[in-house]
PDB file of N, CA and C in Angstrom:
ATOM      1  N   MET A   1      20.275  78.758 253.717  1.00  0.00           N
ATOM      2  CA  MET A   1      19.891  77.440 254.152  1.00  0.00           C
ATOM      3  C   MET A   1      20.336  76.424 253.089  1.00  0.00           C
ATOM      4  N   LYS A   2      21.011  75.380 253.510  1.00  0.00           N
ATOM      5  CA  LYS A   2      21.498  74.363 252.598  1.00  0.00           C
ATOM      6  C   LYS A   2      20.431  73.298 252.397  1.00  0.00           C
ATOM      7  N   ARG A   3      20.413  72.766 251.164  1.00  0.00           N
ATOM      8  CA  ARG A   3      19.488  71.698 250.845  1.00  0.00           C
ATOM      9  C   ARG A   3      20.265  70.471 250.418  1.00  0.00           C
ATOM     10  N   ILE A   4      19.768  69.328 250.760  1.00  0.00           N
ATOM     11  CA  ILE A   4      20.360  68.075 250.299  1.00  0.00           C
ATOM     12  C   ILE A   4      19.477  67.551 249.178  1.00  0.00           C
ATOM     13  N   ILE A   5      20.110  67.291 248.050  1.00  0.00           N
ATOM     14  CA  ILE A   5      19.386  66.763 246.902  1.00  0.00           C
ATOM     15  C   ILE A   5      19.896  65.351 246.646  1.00  0.00           C
ATOM     16  N   ARG A   6      19.004  64.426 246.598  1.00  0.00           N
ATOM     17  CA  ARG A   6      19.380  63.037 246.356  1.00  0.00           C
ATOM     18  C   ARG A   6      19.172  62.719 244.877  1.00  0.00           C
ATOM     19  N   LEU A   7      20.202  62.116 244.286  1.00  0.00           N
ATOM     20  CA  LEU A   7      20.144  61.737 242.881  1.00  0.00           C
ATOM     21  C   LEU A   7      20.346  60.235 242.752  1.00  0.00           C
ATOM     22  N   THR A   8      19.604  59.657 241.853  1.00  0.00           N
ATOM     23  CA  THR A   8      19.816  58.243 241.563  1.00  0.00           C
ATOM     24  C   THR A   8      20.902  58.131 240.498  1.00  0.00           C
ATOM     25  N   GLU A   9      21.358  56.919 240.270  1.00  0.00           N
ATOM     26  CA  GLU A   9      22.359  56.696 239.232  1.00  0.00           C
ATOM     27  C   GLU A   9      21.800  57.089 237.865  1.00  0.00           C
ATOM     28  N   ASN A  10      20.524  56.802 237.625  1.00  0.00           N
ATOM     29  CA  ASN A  10      19.895  57.177 236.356  1.00  0.00           C
ATOM     30  C   ASN A  10      19.869  58.698 236.183  1.00  0.00           C
ATOM     31  N   ASP A  11      19.627  59.430 237.269  1.00  0.00           N
ATOM     32  CA  ASP A  11      19.642  60.893 237.206  1.00  0.00           C
ATOM     33  C   ASP A  11      21.019  61.397 236.781  1.00  0.00           C
ATOM     34  N   LEU A  12      22.060  60.830 237.382  1.00  0.00           N
ATOM     35  CA  LEU A  12      23.427  61.243 237.051  1.00  0.00           C
ATOM     36  C   LEU A  12      23.769  60.924 235.600  1.00  0.00           C
ATOM     37  N   VAL A  13      23.391  59.753 235.122  1.00  0.00           N
ATOM     38  CA  VAL A  13      23.655  59.372 233.731  1.00  0.00           C
ATOM     39  C   VAL A  13      22.954  60.339 232.789  1.00  0.00           C
ATOM     40  N   ARG A  14      21.710  60.672 233.080  1.00  0.00           N
ATOM     41  CA  ARG A  14      20.942  61.593 232.238  1.00  0.00           C
ATOM     42  C   ARG A  14      21.591  62.976 232.217  1.00  0.00           C
ATOM     43  N   ILE A  15      22.055  63.453 233.371  1.00  0.00           N
ATOM     44  CA  ILE A  15      22.693  64.773 233.449  1.00  0.00           C
ATOM     45  C   ILE A  15      23.999  64.778 232.654  1.00  0.00           C
ATOM     46  N   VAL A  16      24.805  63.740 232.803  1.00  0.00           N
ATOM     47  CA  VAL A  16      26.084  63.668 232.087  1.00  0.00           C
ATOM     48  C   VAL A  16      25.853  63.613 230.580  1.00  0.00           C
ATOM     49  N   LYS A  17      24.881  62.824 230.135  1.00  0.00           N
ATOM     50  CA  LYS A  17      24.580  62.748 228.698  1.00  0.00           C
ATOM     51  C   LYS A  17      24.133  64.098 228.161  1.00  0.00           C
ATOM     52  N   ARG A  18      23.335  64.815 228.926  1.00  0.00           N
ATOM     53  CA  ARG A  18      22.866  66.127 228.482  1.00  0.00           C
ATOM     54  C   ARG A  18      24.026  67.105 228.356  1.00  0.00           C
ATOM     55  N   VAL A  19      24.947  67.083 229.307  1.00  0.00           N
ATOM     56  CA  VAL A  19      26.115  67.973 229.257  1.00  0.00           C
ATOM     57  C   VAL A  19      26.996  67.632 228.057  1.00  0.00           C
ATOM     58  N   ILE A  20      27.219  66.357 227.812  1.00  0.00           N
ATOM     59  CA  ILE A  20      28.045  65.941 226.674  1.00  0.00           C
ATOM     60  C   ILE A  20      27.407  66.379 225.370  1.00  0.00           C
ATOM     61  N   ASN A  21      26.098  66.256 225.249  1.00  0.00           N
ATOM     62  CA  ASN A  21      25.412  66.659 224.021  1.00  0.00           C
ATOM     63  C   ASN A  21      25.463  68.160 223.788  1.00  0.00           C
ATOM     64  N   GLU A  22      25.642  68.947 224.840  1.00  0.00           N
ATOM     65  CA  GLU A  22      25.715  70.405 224.696  1.00  0.00           C
ATOM     66  C   GLU A  22      27.069  70.863 224.184  1.00  0.00           C
ATOM     67  N   GLN A  23      28.097  70.022 224.293  1.00  0.00           N
ATOM     68  CA  GLN A  23      29.436  70.394 223.858  1.00  0.00           C
ATOM     69  C   GLN A  23      29.507  70.318 222.338  1.00  0.00           C
ATOM     70  N   PRO A  24      30.009  71.371 221.688  1.00  0.00           N
ATOM     71  CA  PRO A  24      30.114  71.325 220.229  1.00  0.00           C
ATOM     72  C   PRO A  24      31.198  70.342 219.789  1.00  0.00           C
ATOM     73  N   SER A  25      30.962  69.656 218.674  1.00  0.00           N
ATOM     74  CA  SER A  25      31.977  68.762 218.120  1.00  0.00           C
ATOM     75  C   SER A  25      33.073  69.611 217.475  1.00  0.00           C
ATOM     76  N   SER A  26      34.164  68.978 217.027  1.00  0.00           N
ATOM     77  CA  SER A  26      35.259  69.747 216.429  1.00  0.00           C
ATOM     78  C   SER A  26      34.801  70.452 215.161  1.00  0.00           C
ATOM     79  N   GLY A  27      33.959  69.797 214.355  1.00  0.00           N
ATOM     80  CA  GLY A  27      33.438  70.434 213.145  1.00  0.00           C
ATOM     81  C   GLY A  27      32.555  71.626 213.490  1.00  0.00           C
ATOM     82  N   ASP A  28      31.747  71.476 214.542  1.00  0.00           N
ATOM     83  CA  ASP A  28      30.888  72.574 214.979  1.00  0.00           C
ATOM     84  C   ASP A  28      31.720  73.751 215.478  1.00  0.00           C
ATOM     85  N   ARG A  29      32.788  73.458 216.230  1.00  0.00           N
ATOM     86  CA  ARG A  29      33.655  74.530 216.742  1.00  0.00           C
ATOM     87  C   ARG A  29      34.268  75.313 215.596  1.00  0.00           C
ATOM     88  N   ASP A  30      34.743  74.597 214.566  1.00  0.00           N
ATOM     89  CA  ASP A  30      35.339  75.276 213.414  1.00  0.00           C
ATOM     90  C   ASP A  30      34.312  76.138 212.698  1.00  0.00           C
ATOM     91  N   LYS A  31      33.098  75.633 212.561  1.00  0.00           N
ATOM     92  CA  LYS A  31      32.035  76.385 211.891  1.00  0.00           C
ATOM     93  C   LYS A  31      31.662  77.630 212.705  1.00  0.00           C
ATOM     94  N   ILE A  32      31.573  77.473 214.016  1.00  0.00           N
ATOM     95  CA  ILE A  32      31.267  78.615 214.889  1.00  0.00           C
ATOM     96  C   ILE A  32      32.379  79.654 214.791  1.00  0.00           C
ATOM     97  N   ALA A  33      33.640  79.191 214.793  1.00  0.00           N
ATOM     98  CA  ALA A  33      34.784  80.106 214.684  1.00  0.00           C
ATOM     99  C   ALA A  33      34.744  80.862 213.359  1.00  0.00           C
ATOM    100  N   ASP A  34      34.443  80.156 212.263  1.00  0.00           N
ATOM    101  CA  ASP A  34      34.327  80.813 210.951  1.00  0.00           C
ATOM    102  C   ASP A  34      33.248  81.886 210.966  1.00  0.00           C
ATOM    103  N   GLN A  35      32.101  81.554 211.534  1.00  0.00           N
ATOM    104  CA  GLN A  35      30.998  82.512 211.589  1.00  0.00           C
ATOM    105  C   GLN A  35      31.376  83.743 212.409  1.00  0.00           C
ATOM    106  N   MET A  36      32.017  83.524 213.560  1.00  0.00           N
ATOM    107  CA  MET A  36      32.422  84.652 214.410  1.00  0.00           C
ATOM    108  C   MET A  36      33.421  85.547 213.682  1.00  0.00           C
ATOM    109  N   MET A  37      34.389  84.933 213.016  1.00  0.00           N
ATOM    110  CA  MET A  37      35.406  85.714 212.319  1.00  0.00           C
ATOM    111  C   MET A  37      34.802  86.448 211.121  1.00  0.00           C
ATOM    112  N   GLY A  38      33.805  85.851 210.481  1.00  0.00           N
ATOM    113  CA  GLY A  38      33.149  86.495 209.349  1.00  0.00           C
ATOM    114  C   GLY A  38      32.337  87.715 209.756  1.00  0.00           C
ATOM    115  N   LYS A  39      31.808  87.708 210.973  1.00  0.00           N
ATOM    116  CA  LYS A  39      31.001  88.844 211.441  1.00  0.00           C
ATOM    117  C   LYS A  39      31.861  90.036 211.832  1.00  0.00           C
ATOM    118  N   VAL A  40      33.067  89.770 212.341  1.00  0.00           N
ATOM    119  CA  VAL A  40      33.957  90.857 212.784  1.00  0.00           C
ATOM    120  C   VAL A  40      35.241  90.764 211.973  1.00  0.00           C
ATOM    121  N   LYS A  41      35.296  91.505 210.879  1.00  0.00           N
ATOM    122  CA  LYS A  41      36.467  91.458 209.996  1.00  0.00           C
ATOM    123  C   LYS A  41      37.403  92.616 210.310  1.00  0.00           C
ATOM    124  N   PRO A  42      38.716  92.387 210.230  1.00  0.00           N
ATOM    125  CA  PRO A  42      39.666  93.474 210.442  1.00  0.00           C
ATOM    126  C   PRO A  42      39.573  94.510 209.326  1.00  0.00           C
ATOM    127  N   ASP A  43      39.965  95.735 209.652  1.00  0.00           N
ATOM    128  CA  ASP A  43      40.007  96.796 208.646  1.00  0.00           C
ATOM    129  C   ASP A  43      41.186  96.545 207.701  1.00  0.00           C
ATOM    130  N   THR A  44      41.291  97.363 206.660  1.00  0.00           N
ATOM    131  CA  THR A  44      42.403  97.273 205.722  1.00  0.00           C
ATOM    132  C   THR A  44      43.724  97.413 206.483  1.00  0.00           C
ATOM    133  N   ASN A  45      44.691  96.576 206.160  1.00  0.00           N
ATOM    134  CA  ASN A  45      46.021  96.555 206.787  1.00  0.00           C
ATOM    135  C   ASN A  45      45.989  96.163 208.259  1.00  0.00           C
ATOM    136  N   ALA A  46      44.853  95.751 208.778  1.00  0.00           N
ATOM    137  CA  ALA A  46      44.764  95.257 210.154  1.00  0.00           C
ATOM    138  C   ALA A  46      44.660  93.735 210.089  1.00  0.00           C
ATOM    139  N   LYS A  47      44.614  93.094 211.229  1.00  0.00           N
ATOM    140  CA  LYS A  47      44.615  91.632 211.224  1.00  0.00           C
ATOM    141  C   LYS A  47      43.847  91.075 212.415  1.00  0.00           C
ATOM    142  N   TYR A  48      43.531  89.771 212.303  1.00  0.00           N
ATOM    143  CA  TYR A  48      43.041  89.034 213.466  1.00  0.00           C
ATOM    144  C   TYR A  48      44.253  88.766 214.353  1.00  0.00           C
ATOM    145  N   CYS A  49      44.106  88.928 215.630  1.00  0.00           N
ATOM    146  CA  CYS A  49      45.223  88.713 216.563  1.00  0.00           C
ATOM    147  C   CYS A  49      45.273  87.270 217.053  1.00  0.00           C
ATOM    148  N   PHE A  50      44.590  86.382 216.355  1.00  0.00           N
ATOM    149  CA  PHE A  50      44.514  84.975 216.725  1.00  0.00           C
ATOM    150  C   PHE A  50      44.242  84.190 215.446  1.00  0.00           C
ATOM    151  N   THR A  51      44.424  82.889 215.505  1.00  0.00           N
ATOM    152  CA  THR A  51      44.106  82.045 214.353  1.00  0.00           C
ATOM    153  C   THR A  51      42.719  81.431 214.544  1.00  0.00           C
ATOM    154  N   GLN A  52      42.179  80.901 213.457  1.00  0.00           N
ATOM    155  CA  GLN A  52      40.875  80.253 213.548  1.00  0.00           C
ATOM    156  C   GLN A  52      40.969  79.042 214.475  1.00  0.00           C
ATOM    157  N   LYS A  53      42.088  78.327 214.428  1.00  0.00           N
ATOM    158  CA  LYS A  53      42.276  77.157 215.296  1.00  0.00           C
ATOM    159  C   LYS A  53      42.310  77.583 216.765  1.00  0.00           C
ATOM    160  N   LYS A  54      42.999  78.685 217.065  1.00  0.00           N
ATOM    161  CA  LYS A  54      43.061  79.187 218.442  1.00  0.00           C
ATOM    162  C   LYS A  54      41.655  79.559 218.927  1.00  0.00           C
ATOM    163  N   LEU A  55      40.871  80.210 218.069  1.00  0.00           N
ATOM    164  CA  LEU A  55      39.499  80.566 218.420  1.00  0.00           C
ATOM    165  C   LEU A  55      38.670  79.318 218.676  1.00  0.00           C
ATOM    166  N   ALA A  56      38.807  78.310 217.821  1.00  0.00           N
ATOM    167  CA  ALA A  56      38.056  77.065 218.006  1.00  0.00           C
ATOM    168  C   ALA A  56      38.437  76.394 219.325  1.00  0.00           C
ATOM    169  N   ASN A  57      39.717  76.406 219.678  1.00  0.00           N
ATOM    170  CA  ASN A  57      40.160  75.819 220.947  1.00  0.00           C
ATOM    171  C   ASN A  57      39.614  76.593 222.143  1.00  0.00           C
ATOM    172  N   GLU A  58      39.564  77.912 222.034  1.00  0.00           N
ATOM    173  CA  GLU A  58      39.001  78.726 223.124  1.00  0.00           C
ATOM    174  C   GLU A  58      37.494  78.481 223.256  1.00  0.00           C
ATOM    175  N   ILE A  59      36.817  78.254 222.134  1.00  0.00           N
ATOM    176  CA  ILE A  59      35.389  77.924 222.180  1.00  0.00           C
ATOM    177  C   ILE A  59      35.197  76.607 222.919  1.00  0.00           C
ATOM    178  N   LEU A  60      36.075  75.644 222.658  1.00  0.00           N
ATOM    179  CA  LEU A  60      36.007  74.353 223.347  1.00  0.00           C
ATOM    180  C   LEU A  60      36.266  74.533 224.841  1.00  0.00           C
ATOM    181  N   ALA A  61      37.287  75.305 225.178  1.00  0.00           N
ATOM    182  CA  ALA A  61      37.675  75.470 226.581  1.00  0.00           C
ATOM    183  C   ALA A  61      36.690  76.333 227.370  1.00  0.00           C
ATOM    184  N   GLY A  62      36.222  77.414 226.742  1.00  0.00           N
ATOM    185  CA  GLY A  62      35.410  78.358 227.503  1.00  0.00           C
ATOM    186  C   GLY A  62      33.938  78.367 227.188  1.00  0.00           C
ATOM    187  N   GLY A  63      33.551  77.756 226.088  1.00  0.00           N
ATOM    188  CA  GLY A  63      32.150  77.793 225.687  1.00  0.00           C
ATOM    189  C   GLY A  63      31.891  78.947 224.740  1.00  0.00           C
ATOM    190  N   LYS A  64      31.092  78.691 223.709  1.00  0.00           N
ATOM    191  CA  LYS A  64      30.895  79.700 222.670  1.00  0.00           C
ATOM    192  C   LYS A  64      30.200  80.950 223.181  1.00  0.00           C
ATOM    193  N   ASN A  65      29.438  80.843 224.248  1.00  0.00           N
ATOM    194  CA  ASN A  65      28.725  82.013 224.767  1.00  0.00           C
ATOM    195  C   ASN A  65      29.638  82.957 225.542  1.00  0.00           C
ATOM    196  N   TYR A  66      30.834  82.502 225.881  1.00  0.00           N
ATOM    197  CA  TYR A  66      31.748  83.322 226.676  1.00  0.00           C
ATOM    198  C   TYR A  66      32.895  83.919 225.873  1.00  0.00           C
ATOM    199  N   ILE A  67      33.053  83.509 224.624  1.00  0.00           N
ATOM    200  CA  ILE A  67      34.137  84.029 223.791  1.00  0.00           C
ATOM    201  C   ILE A  67      33.586  85.158 222.931  1.00  0.00           C
ATOM    202  N   LYS A  68      34.239  86.301 222.986  1.00  0.00           N
ATOM    203  CA  LYS A  68      33.812  87.485 222.234  1.00  0.00           C
ATOM    204  C   LYS A  68      34.971  87.991 221.389  1.00  0.00           C
ATOM    205  N   LEU A  69      34.623  88.663 220.290  1.00  0.00           N
ATOM    206  CA  LEU A  69      35.623  89.313 219.445  1.00  0.00           C
ATOM    207  C   LEU A  69      35.411  90.813 219.545  1.00  0.00           C
ATOM    208  N   TYR A  70      36.511  91.556 219.508  1.00  0.00           N
ATOM    209  CA  TYR A  70      36.453  93.010 219.643  1.00  0.00           C
ATOM    210  C   TYR A  70      37.385  93.647 218.624  1.00  0.00           C
ATOM    211  N   LYS A  71      36.846  94.548 217.825  1.00  0.00           N
ATOM    212  CA  LYS A  71      37.663  95.294 216.866  1.00  0.00           C
ATOM    213  C   LYS A  71      38.168  96.556 217.570  1.00  0.00           C
ATOM    214  N   ILE A  72      39.485  96.719 217.601  1.00  0.00           N
ATOM    215  CA  ILE A  72      40.094  97.859 218.284  1.00  0.00           C
ATOM    216  C   ILE A  72      39.719  99.151 217.562  1.00  0.00           C
ATOM    217  N   LYS A  73      39.301 100.125 218.338  1.00  0.00           N
ATOM    218  CA  LYS A  73      38.921 101.427 217.788  1.00  0.00           C
ATOM    219  C   LYS A  73      40.057 102.426 218.013  1.00  0.00           C
ATOM    220  N   THR A  74      40.059 103.484 217.236  1.00  0.00           N
ATOM    221  CA  THR A  74      41.045 104.539 217.409  1.00  0.00           C
ATOM    222  C   THR A  74      40.907 105.106 218.817  1.00  0.00           C
ATOM    223  N   GLY A  75      42.013 105.233 219.516  1.00  0.00           N
ATOM    224  CA  GLY A  75      42.006 105.778 220.870  1.00  0.00           C
ATOM    225  C   GLY A  75      41.885 104.739 221.963  1.00  0.00           C
ATOM    226  N   ASP A  76      41.630 103.470 221.608  1.00  0.00           N
ATOM    227  CA  ASP A  76      41.562 102.413 222.625  1.00  0.00           C
ATOM    228  C   ASP A  76      42.944 102.194 223.238  1.00  0.00           C
ATOM    229  N   THR A  77      42.959 101.929 224.515  1.00  0.00           N
ATOM    230  CA  THR A  77      44.196 101.584 225.211  1.00  0.00           C
ATOM    231  C   THR A  77      44.091 100.148 225.687  1.00  0.00           C
ATOM    232  N   LEU A  78      45.242  99.552 225.962  1.00  0.00           N
ATOM    233  CA  LEU A  78      45.245  98.179 226.432  1.00  0.00           C
ATOM    234  C   LEU A  78      44.519  98.063 227.764  1.00  0.00           C
ATOM    235  N   SER A  79      44.668  99.052 228.639  1.00  0.00           N
ATOM    236  CA  SER A  79      43.989  98.983 229.936  1.00  0.00           C
ATOM    237  C   SER A  79      42.466  99.029 229.762  1.00  0.00           C
ATOM    238  N   LYS A  80      41.987  99.788 228.787  1.00  0.00           N
ATOM    239  CA  LYS A  80      40.545  99.820 228.523  1.00  0.00           C
ATOM    240  C   LYS A  80      40.072  98.458 228.040  1.00  0.00           C
ATOM    241  N   ILE A  81      40.830  97.879 227.126  1.00  0.00           N
ATOM    242  CA  ILE A  81      40.459  96.570 226.585  1.00  0.00           C
ATOM    243  C   ILE A  81      40.526  95.510 227.675  1.00  0.00           C
ATOM    244  N   LYS A  82      41.526  95.564 228.537  1.00  0.00           N
ATOM    245  CA  LYS A  82      41.643  94.593 229.628  1.00  0.00           C
ATOM    246  C   LYS A  82      40.484  94.719 230.609  1.00  0.00           C
ATOM    247  N   GLY A  83      39.798  95.861 230.613  1.00  0.00           N
ATOM    248  CA  GLY A  83      38.639  96.033 231.469  1.00  0.00           C
ATOM    249  C   GLY A  83      37.479  95.135 231.088  1.00  0.00           C
ATOM    250  N   PHE A  84      37.494  94.584 229.876  1.00  0.00           N
ATOM    251  CA  PHE A  84      36.424  93.690 229.432  1.00  0.00           C
ATOM    252  C   PHE A  84      36.509  92.321 230.084  1.00  0.00           C
ATOM    253  N   THR A  85      37.714  91.929 230.495  1.00  0.00           N
ATOM    254  CA  THR A  85      37.936  90.537 230.860  1.00  0.00           C
ATOM    255  C   THR A  85      38.986  90.401 231.951  1.00  0.00           C
ATOM    256  N   GLU A  86      38.908  89.282 232.659  1.00  0.00           N
ATOM    257  CA  GLU A  86      39.940  88.936 233.633  1.00  0.00           C
ATOM    258  C   GLU A  86      40.948  87.969 233.024  1.00  0.00           C
ATOM    259  N   GLN A  87      40.653  87.493 231.830  1.00  0.00           N
ATOM    260  CA  GLN A  87      41.513  86.511 231.182  1.00  0.00           C
ATOM    261  C   GLN A  87      42.764  87.184 230.611  1.00  0.00           C
ATOM    262  N   ASP A  88      43.755  86.372 230.267  1.00  0.00           N
ATOM    263  CA  ASP A  88      45.028  86.867 229.750  1.00  0.00           C
ATOM    264  C   ASP A  88      44.911  87.151 228.253  1.00  0.00           C
ATOM    265  N   LEU A  89      44.770  88.416 227.898  1.00  0.00           N
ATOM    266  CA  LEU A  89      44.606  88.806 226.498  1.00  0.00           C
ATOM    267  C   LEU A  89      45.837  88.463 225.663  1.00  0.00           C
ATOM    268  N   ILE A  90      47.018  88.548 226.253  1.00  0.00           N
ATOM    269  CA  ILE A  90      48.254  88.322 225.503  1.00  0.00           C
ATOM    270  C   ILE A  90      48.342  86.875 225.033  1.00  0.00           C
ATOM    271  N   SER A  91      48.002  85.919 225.903  1.00  0.00           N
ATOM    272  CA  SER A  91      48.067  84.512 225.486  1.00  0.00           C
ATOM    273  C   SER A  91      46.921  84.147 224.550  1.00  0.00           C
ATOM    274  N   MET A  92      45.793  84.836 224.654  1.00  0.00           N
ATOM    275  CA  MET A  92      44.658  84.535 223.777  1.00  0.00           C
ATOM    276  C   MET A  92      44.861  85.120 222.379  1.00  0.00           C
ATOM    277  N   ASN A  93      45.720  86.119 222.253  1.00  0.00           N
ATOM    278  CA  ASN A  93      45.925  86.809 220.975  1.00  0.00           C
ATOM    279  C   ASN A  93      47.402  86.808 220.598  1.00  0.00           C
ATOM    280  N   PRO A  94      47.957  85.643 220.267  1.00  0.00           N
ATOM    281  CA  PRO A  94      49.400  85.554 220.037  1.00  0.00           C
ATOM    282  C   PRO A  94      49.883  86.265 218.775  1.00  0.00           C
ATOM    283  N   ASN A  95      48.999  86.561 217.813  1.00  0.00           N
ATOM    284  CA  ASN A  95      49.439  87.200 216.572  1.00  0.00           C
ATOM    285  C   ASN A  95      49.659  88.696 216.711  1.00  0.00           C
ATOM    286  N   CYS A  96      49.261  89.288 217.812  1.00  0.00           N
ATOM    287  CA  CYS A  96      49.503  90.716 218.078  1.00  0.00           C
ATOM    288  C   CYS A  96      50.314  90.814 219.363  1.00  0.00           C
ATOM    289  N   GLN A  97      51.296  91.643 219.357  1.00  0.00           N
ATOM    290  CA  GLN A  97      52.118  91.813 220.553  1.00  0.00           C
ATOM    291  C   GLN A  97      51.462  92.866 221.440  1.00  0.00           C
ATOM    292  N   LEU A  98      50.506  92.434 222.244  1.00  0.00           N
ATOM    293  CA  LEU A  98      49.713  93.370 223.041  1.00  0.00           C
ATOM    294  C   LEU A  98      50.504  94.004 224.181  1.00  0.00           C
ATOM    295  N   ASN A  99      51.625  93.400 224.547  1.00  0.00           N
ATOM    296  CA  ASN A  99      52.430  94.016 225.602  1.00  0.00           C
ATOM    297  C   ASN A  99      53.199  95.229 225.087  1.00  0.00           C
ATOM    298  N   ASP A 100      53.184  95.445 223.779  1.00  0.00           N
ATOM    299  CA  ASP A 100      53.797  96.626 223.176  1.00  0.00           C
ATOM    300  C   ASP A 100      52.701  97.430 222.478  1.00  0.00           C
ATOM    301  N   PRO A 101      52.248  98.547 223.071  1.00  0.00           N
ATOM    302  CA  PRO A 101      51.123  99.305 222.510  1.00  0.00           C
ATOM    303  C   PRO A 101      51.334  99.765 221.071  1.00  0.00           C
ATOM    304  N   LYS A 102      52.580  99.828 220.612  1.00  0.00           N
ATOM    305  CA  LYS A 102      52.841 100.252 219.242  1.00  0.00           C
ATOM    306  C   LYS A 102      52.580  99.124 218.240  1.00  0.00           C
ATOM    307  N   LYS A 103      52.425  97.900 218.714  1.00  0.00           N
ATOM    308  CA  LYS A 103      52.282  96.749 217.830  1.00  0.00           C
ATOM    309  C   LYS A 103      50.829  96.422 217.494  1.00  0.00           C
ATOM    310  N   PHE A 104      49.859  96.940 218.255  1.00  0.00           N
ATOM    311  CA  PHE A 104      48.470  96.722 217.857  1.00  0.00           C
ATOM    312  C   PHE A 104      47.884  98.055 217.427  1.00  0.00           C
ATOM    313  N   ARG A 105      46.909  97.988 216.524  1.00  0.00           N
ATOM    314  CA  ARG A 105      46.396  99.227 215.943  1.00  0.00           C
ATOM    315  C   ARG A 105      44.885  99.130 215.750  1.00  0.00           C
ATOM    316  N   ALA A 106      44.307 100.258 215.483  1.00  0.00           N
ATOM    317  CA  ALA A 106      42.869 100.317 215.222  1.00  0.00           C
ATOM    318  C   ALA A 106      42.546  99.410 214.046  1.00  0.00           C
ATOM    319  N   GLY A 107      41.482  98.672 214.175  1.00  0.00           N
ATOM    320  CA  GLY A 107      41.062  97.755 213.130  1.00  0.00           C
ATOM    321  C   GLY A 107      41.452  96.316 213.394  1.00  0.00           C
ATOM    322  N   ASP A 108      42.482  96.078 214.245  1.00  0.00           N
ATOM    323  CA  ASP A 108      42.831  94.710 214.620  1.00  0.00           C
ATOM    324  C   ASP A 108      41.663  94.108 215.396  1.00  0.00           C
ATOM    325  N   VAL A 109      41.515  92.792 215.294  1.00  0.00           N
ATOM    326  CA  VAL A 109      40.427  92.108 216.000  1.00  0.00           C
ATOM    327  C   VAL A 109      41.027  91.224 217.090  1.00  0.00           C
ATOM    328  N   LEU A 110      40.570  91.435 218.326  1.00  0.00           N
ATOM    329  CA  LEU A 110      41.017  90.668 219.487  1.00  0.00           C
ATOM    330  C   LEU A 110      39.953  89.664 219.895  1.00  0.00           C
ATOM    331  N   MET A 111      40.392  88.617 220.559  1.00  0.00           N
ATOM    332  CA  MET A 111      39.491  87.646 221.159  1.00  0.00           C
ATOM    333  C   MET A 111      39.629  87.782 222.673  1.00  0.00           C
ATOM    334  N   TYR A 112      38.489  87.719 223.374  1.00  0.00           N
ATOM    335  CA  TYR A 112      38.547  87.725 224.833  1.00  0.00           C
ATOM    336  C   TYR A 112      37.428  86.873 225.395  1.00  0.00           C
ATOM    337  N   SER A 113      37.558  86.518 226.658  1.00  0.00           N
ATOM    338  CA  SER A 113      36.567  85.679 227.319  1.00  0.00           C
ATOM    339  C   SER A 113      35.872  86.479 228.405  1.00  0.00           C
ATOM    340  N   THR A 114      34.562  86.327 228.486  1.00  0.00           N
ATOM    341  CA  THR A 114      33.803  86.991 229.548  1.00  0.00           C
ATOM    342  C   THR A 114      33.631  86.082 230.763  1.00  0.00           C
ATOM    343  N   ARG A 115      34.148  84.861 230.670  1.00  0.00           N
ATOM    344  CA  ARG A 115      34.044  83.924 231.789  1.00  0.00           C
ATOM    345  C   ARG A 115      34.989  84.371 232.893  1.00  0.00           C
ATOM    346  N   GLN A 116      34.496  84.371 234.117  1.00  0.00           N
ATOM    347  CA  GLN A 116      35.334  84.770 235.238  1.00  0.00           C
ATOM    348  C   GLN A 116      36.224  83.602 235.641  1.00  0.00           C
ATOM    349  N   SER A 117      37.468  83.917 235.968  1.00  0.00           N
ATOM    350  CA  SER A 117      38.375  82.864 236.442  1.00  0.00           C
ATOM    351  C   SER A 117      38.262  82.777 237.962  1.00  0.00           C
ATOM    352  N   TYR A 118      38.348  81.573 238.455  1.00  0.00           N
ATOM    353  CA  TYR A 118      38.210  81.361 239.900  1.00  0.00           C
ATOM    354  C   TYR A 118      39.474  80.820 240.472  1.00  0.00           C
TER     355      TYR A 118
END
């Protein structure tokens, strides 16, 4: 059953202001990115498959609650990792050549989004 909800102009202004206030500023995005990267560090001789700036931009685009980091474990396959997300892992992780399984290794840290694409 559909419902019709009537909003006044003041209601709309209040909703828009609340949404804007929920968005992290650029300084906040950088701080969140630093914290996320500090919690999930690559192993020796491994690397982050993205830059801090790329992570901050993904936080802006997708929201901090939807961006996750994953440290590749021994025996992981790209198809297993792609099972976490519908997003394009290759474009989100430009520092690792994920289309070539020999180029990523255990200990590398990937970024992915849990947000569903529509």
